[in-house]
Protein backbone atom coordinates (compact mmCIF):
# COMPACT_ATOMS: atom_id res chain seq x y z
CA MET A 1 -27.66 176.01 -0.48
CA LYS A 2 -25.64 175.61 2.70
CA ASP A 3 -23.50 178.56 3.82
CA ASP A 4 -20.31 176.53 3.47
CA ALA A 5 -21.10 175.92 -0.22
CA ARG A 6 -21.59 179.57 -1.16
CA PRO A 7 -18.79 181.32 -3.04
CA LEU A 8 -16.67 183.85 -1.19
CA ALA A 9 -16.63 187.61 -1.70
CA VAL A 10 -13.43 188.94 -0.17
CA PHE A 11 -13.28 192.56 1.01
CA ASP A 12 -10.34 194.69 2.09
CA LEU A 13 -10.99 197.20 4.89
CA ASP A 14 -8.80 200.31 4.72
CA GLY A 15 -9.60 202.35 1.63
CA THR A 16 -12.31 199.90 0.55
CA LEU A 17 -14.84 199.80 3.41
CA ALA A 18 -13.18 202.23 5.85
CA ASP A 19 -12.15 205.81 5.09
CA THR A 20 -8.70 206.26 6.61
CA ALA A 21 -8.21 209.91 5.57
CA HIS A 22 -8.66 211.26 9.12
CA ARG A 23 -5.73 209.19 10.42
CA GLN A 24 -3.25 209.61 7.56
CA HIS A 25 -1.42 212.37 9.45
CA PHE A 26 -0.02 209.74 11.83
CA LEU A 27 2.02 208.33 8.92
CA GLU A 28 3.48 211.61 7.69
CA GLY A 29 7.02 212.64 8.47
CA ALA A 30 10.09 210.65 9.38
CA ARG A 31 8.63 209.09 12.54
CA ARG A 32 5.41 207.30 11.69
CA ASN A 33 3.12 206.64 14.63
CA TRP A 34 1.69 203.23 13.77
CA GLU A 35 0.10 202.68 17.17
CA ALA A 36 -1.92 205.90 16.87
CA PHE A 37 -2.75 205.15 13.22
CA PHE A 38 -4.30 201.79 14.08
CA SER A 39 -5.91 203.00 17.32
CA ALA A 40 -7.77 205.70 15.35
CA ALA A 41 -9.34 203.09 13.05
CA VAL A 42 -12.32 202.78 15.37
CA ASP A 43 -13.36 206.26 14.21
CA ASP A 44 -13.14 205.53 10.47
CA PRO A 45 -16.22 206.66 8.58
CA PRO A 46 -17.58 203.96 6.29
CA LEU A 47 -17.08 204.21 2.55
CA GLU A 48 -20.65 203.91 1.29
CA VAL A 49 -19.80 202.38 -2.09
CA GLY A 50 -17.82 199.60 -0.44
CA VAL A 51 -20.47 199.00 2.21
CA ARG A 52 -23.19 198.74 -0.45
CA LEU A 53 -21.08 196.23 -2.41
CA ALA A 54 -20.50 194.10 0.70
CA LEU A 55 -24.20 194.10 1.59
CA ALA A 56 -25.14 193.21 -1.99
CA GLY A 57 -22.47 190.52 -2.14
CA ALA A 58 -23.85 188.91 1.01
CA GLN A 59 -27.01 188.01 -0.91
CA ASP A 60 -25.17 185.31 -2.89
CA CYS A 61 -21.78 184.96 -1.20
CA GLU A 62 -20.20 184.42 2.15
CA ILE A 63 -18.36 187.63 3.02
CA VAL A 64 -14.74 187.38 4.13
CA TYR A 65 -12.57 190.30 5.21
CA LEU A 66 -8.89 190.35 4.24
CA THR A 67 -6.91 193.20 5.74
CA GLY A 68 -3.33 194.21 6.17
CA ARG A 69 -4.10 195.42 9.69
CA PRO A 70 -2.11 193.55 12.32
CA GLU A 71 -3.77 190.89 14.45
CA ARG A 72 -3.57 193.13 17.54
CA CYS A 73 -6.34 195.26 15.96
CA ARG A 74 -8.86 192.38 15.80
CA ARG A 75 -11.17 193.48 18.63
CA ASP A 76 -11.48 197.05 17.34
CA THR A 77 -11.90 195.81 13.77
CA LEU A 78 -14.73 193.42 14.68
CA ALA A 79 -16.47 196.18 16.65
CA TRP A 80 -16.15 198.58 13.70
CA LEU A 81 -17.58 196.04 11.25
CA ALA A 82 -20.56 195.40 13.53
CA LEU A 83 -21.15 199.12 14.10
CA GLN A 84 -21.35 199.68 10.34
CA GLY A 85 -23.91 196.89 9.94
CA LEU A 86 -21.61 194.92 7.67
CA PRO A 87 -22.21 191.20 7.23
CA GLU A 88 -20.55 188.87 9.70
CA GLY A 89 -17.63 187.02 8.23
CA ARG A 90 -14.22 185.62 8.90
CA VAL A 91 -11.53 188.29 9.26
CA TYR A 92 -8.02 187.51 8.04
CA MET A 93 -5.39 189.85 9.45
CA ARG A 94 -1.65 190.23 9.16
CA ARG A 95 0.29 188.41 11.88
CA ASN A 96 1.84 190.84 14.36
CA GLY A 97 5.37 191.53 13.16
CA ASP A 98 4.76 190.36 9.57
CA ARG A 99 6.27 193.08 7.37
CA ARG A 100 5.93 191.48 3.96
CA PRO A 101 4.22 193.61 1.29
CA ALA A 102 0.42 193.46 1.25
CA ARG A 103 0.47 192.06 -2.28
CA ARG A 104 2.29 189.00 -0.95
CA THR A 105 0.49 188.45 2.35
CA LYS A 106 -2.97 188.97 0.88
CA LEU A 107 -2.32 186.83 -2.19
CA GLU A 108 -1.07 184.01 0.02
CA ILE A 109 -4.36 184.01 1.97
CA LEU A 110 -6.46 184.49 -1.16
CA LYS A 111 -4.85 181.44 -2.79
CA ARG A 112 -5.47 179.37 0.33
CA LEU A 113 -9.12 180.44 0.34
CA GLY A 114 -9.34 179.59 -3.37
CA ARG A 115 -8.15 176.04 -2.72
CA GLU A 116 -10.98 175.55 -0.21
CA ARG A 117 -13.80 177.47 -1.89
CA ASP A 118 -14.80 179.38 -4.99
CA VAL A 119 -13.66 182.99 -4.60
CA ARG A 120 -16.11 185.01 -6.67
CA VAL A 121 -14.43 188.39 -6.17
CA LEU A 122 -11.77 190.34 -4.32
CA VAL A 123 -12.57 194.00 -3.62
CA ASP A 124 -9.43 195.97 -2.71
CA ASP A 125 -7.99 199.46 -3.18
CA ASP A 126 -4.33 198.47 -3.37
CA GLU A 127 -3.40 198.39 -7.06
CA LEU A 128 -0.48 196.01 -6.48
CA VAL A 129 -2.70 193.59 -4.56
CA CYS A 130 -5.28 193.79 -7.35
CA ASP A 131 -2.63 193.20 -10.03
CA ALA A 132 -1.25 190.16 -8.19
CA ALA A 133 -4.74 188.72 -7.64
CA GLU A 134 -5.70 189.17 -11.29
CA THR A 135 -2.44 187.57 -12.42
CA ALA A 136 -3.29 184.60 -10.18
CA GLY A 137 -6.68 184.28 -11.91
CA PHE A 138 -8.99 185.96 -9.40
CA THR A 139 -11.80 188.35 -10.36
CA VAL A 140 -11.08 191.77 -8.87
CA VAL A 141 -13.07 194.93 -8.25
CA ARG A 142 -10.67 197.83 -7.78
CA ALA A 143 -11.93 200.06 -4.99
CA ARG A 144 -11.26 203.49 -6.41
CA TRP A 145 -13.89 205.40 -4.43
CA ALA A 146 -11.60 206.68 -1.66
CA THR A 147 -9.04 209.44 -2.08
CA PRO A 148 -5.71 207.74 -2.82
CA SER A 149 -3.02 208.16 -0.17
CA PRO A 150 0.63 207.93 -1.26
CA VAL A 151 1.60 207.55 2.42
CA LEU A 152 -0.67 204.53 2.86
CA GLU A 153 0.46 203.03 -0.46
CA ASP A 154 4.07 203.28 0.72
CA ALA A 155 3.13 201.66 4.02
CA GLN A 156 1.37 198.81 2.27
CA GLU A 157 4.15 198.04 -0.15
CA ARG A 158 7.50 199.05 1.37
CA GLU A 159 6.88 198.85 5.08
CA GLY A 160 4.40 195.98 5.21
CA ARG A 161 2.35 197.69 7.89
CA THR A 162 -1.17 197.60 6.52
């Protein structure tokens, strides 16, 4: 089967493949330091459960990464994925300056992917993203293996930053 005919397995990064706990402190308090938060992503430890799922998914699917990280983080993100030994795949990122909630930006891209190809699964830690994807008819694996972060959840939904 040609690669372009394989179904897609879509993986989130932060909280699904990458452990962001060490950089959460940049988002605490009244003045959130987004530049430092994203710059520290290069040092994220991998989340082993998510990495194993991505590697297993690559056996039957083309892996695609769908993240709320802004486009300006692309170079660091690609380097991090390679360093972790994750499968190569297209990376869809939030446009710089796009502050819509993750559940909207990610669903928009997921629907577009679904029009082009069979999306076998979305793996994401954001409950609102998962709810929206399931409502739209996608199969979802909820990444519940990282410690939940209320600060990051707020950033994803209210501030549209990740």
